Amino acid sequence: MVDIVLVYLSLAPWLGGEVVYWWSLVQVLQSTMF
């Protein structure tokens, strides 16, 4: 699932603030899975 989010981020760098939000979400997911 994290890979899908990363692909989404790479395809939508123009979101600006949204990218920061999603990146933070990825960090949380990684901290919970690993």
N, C-alpha and C. Protein backbone atom coordinates (compact mmCIF):
# COMPACT_ATOMS: atom_id res chain seq x y z
N MET A 1 0.84 -1.21 0.00
CA MET A 1 0.00 0.00 0.00
C MET A 1 0.87 1.25 0.00
N VAL A 2 1.97 1.19 0.71
CA VAL A 2 2.88 2.34 0.78
C VAL A 2 3.44 2.65 -0.61
N ASP A 3 3.71 1.59 -1.39
CA ASP A 3 4.25 1.79 -2.74
C ASP A 3 3.25 2.59 -3.59
N ILE A 4 1.97 2.31 -3.42
CA ILE A 4 0.94 3.02 -4.17
C ILE A 4 0.96 4.51 -3.82
N VAL A 5 1.15 4.80 -2.54
CA VAL A 5 1.19 6.19 -2.09
C VAL A 5 2.41 6.89 -2.68
N LEU A 6 3.55 6.19 -2.70
CA LEU A 6 4.76 6.78 -3.25
C LEU A 6 4.60 7.07 -4.74
N VAL A 7 3.96 6.15 -5.46
CA VAL A 7 3.71 6.37 -6.89
C VAL A 7 2.79 7.58 -7.07
N TYR A 8 1.80 7.68 -6.21
CA TYR A 8 0.87 8.81 -6.27
C TYR A 8 1.61 10.12 -6.06
N LEU A 9 2.53 10.13 -5.10
CA LEU A 9 3.31 11.33 -4.83
C LEU A 9 4.18 11.70 -6.02
N SER A 10 4.77 10.69 -6.65
CA SER A 10 5.66 10.95 -7.79
C SER A 10 4.87 11.46 -9.00
N LEU A 11 3.58 11.08 -9.07
CA LEU A 11 2.76 11.50 -10.21
C LEU A 11 2.06 12.83 -9.96
N ALA A 12 2.02 13.25 -8.71
CA ALA A 12 1.31 14.50 -8.39
C ALA A 12 2.13 15.42 -7.50
N PRO A 13 3.29 15.89 -7.98
CA PRO A 13 4.14 16.78 -7.19
C PRO A 13 3.55 18.18 -7.08
N TRP A 14 2.54 18.49 -7.87
CA TRP A 14 1.95 19.82 -7.90
C TRP A 14 0.95 20.06 -6.78
N LEU A 15 0.72 19.02 -5.97
CA LEU A 15 -0.26 19.18 -4.90
C LEU A 15 0.24 20.09 -3.78
N GLY A 16 1.58 20.22 -3.68
CA GLY A 16 2.13 21.13 -2.68
C GLY A 16 1.88 20.67 -1.26
N GLY A 17 0.97 21.35 -0.57
CA GLY A 17 0.68 21.03 0.82
C GLY A 17 0.16 19.62 0.98
N GLU A 18 -0.59 19.13 -0.01
CA GLU A 18 -1.12 17.77 0.06
C GLU A 18 0.01 16.75 0.08
N VAL A 19 1.09 17.05 -0.65
CA VAL A 19 2.24 16.14 -0.69
C VAL A 19 2.83 16.00 0.70
N VAL A 20 2.92 17.11 1.42
CA VAL A 20 3.45 17.08 2.78
C VAL A 20 2.57 16.20 3.67
N TYR A 21 1.26 16.32 3.47
CA TYR A 21 0.31 15.52 4.26
C TYR A 21 0.48 14.04 3.98
N TRP A 22 0.53 13.68 2.69
CA TRP A 22 0.66 12.28 2.32
C TRP A 22 2.01 11.72 2.75
N TRP A 23 3.07 12.55 2.65
CA TRP A 23 4.40 12.08 3.04
C TRP A 23 4.41 11.76 4.53
N SER A 24 3.74 12.61 5.31
CA SER A 24 3.65 12.37 6.75
C SER A 24 2.88 11.09 7.02
N LEU A 25 1.84 10.85 6.21
CA LEU A 25 1.05 9.63 6.36
C LEU A 25 1.89 8.40 6.08
N VAL A 26 2.74 8.49 5.06
CA VAL A 26 3.63 7.38 4.71
C VAL A 26 4.58 7.10 5.87
N GLN A 27 5.10 8.16 6.49
CA GLN A 27 6.02 7.99 7.61
C GLN A 27 5.33 7.25 8.76
N VAL A 28 4.08 7.59 9.00
CA VAL A 28 3.31 6.94 10.07
C VAL A 28 3.09 5.47 9.74
N LEU A 29 2.74 5.20 8.48
CA LEU A 29 2.49 3.81 8.07
C LEU A 29 3.76 2.98 8.21
N GLN A 30 4.89 3.55 7.82
CA GLN A 30 6.16 2.82 7.91
C GLN A 30 6.52 2.55 9.37
N SER A 31 6.25 3.51 10.23
CA SER A 31 6.59 3.34 11.65
C SER A 31 5.73 2.27 12.30
N THR A 32 4.51 2.09 11.78
CA THR A 32 3.62 1.09 12.37
C THR A 32 3.88 -0.30 11.80
N MET A 33 4.29 -0.36 10.53
CA MET A 33 4.52 -1.66 9.90
C MET A 33 5.90 -2.22 10.25
N PHE A 34 6.87 -1.33 10.39
CA PHE A 34 8.21 -1.80 10.70
C PHE A 34 8.56 -1.49 12.14
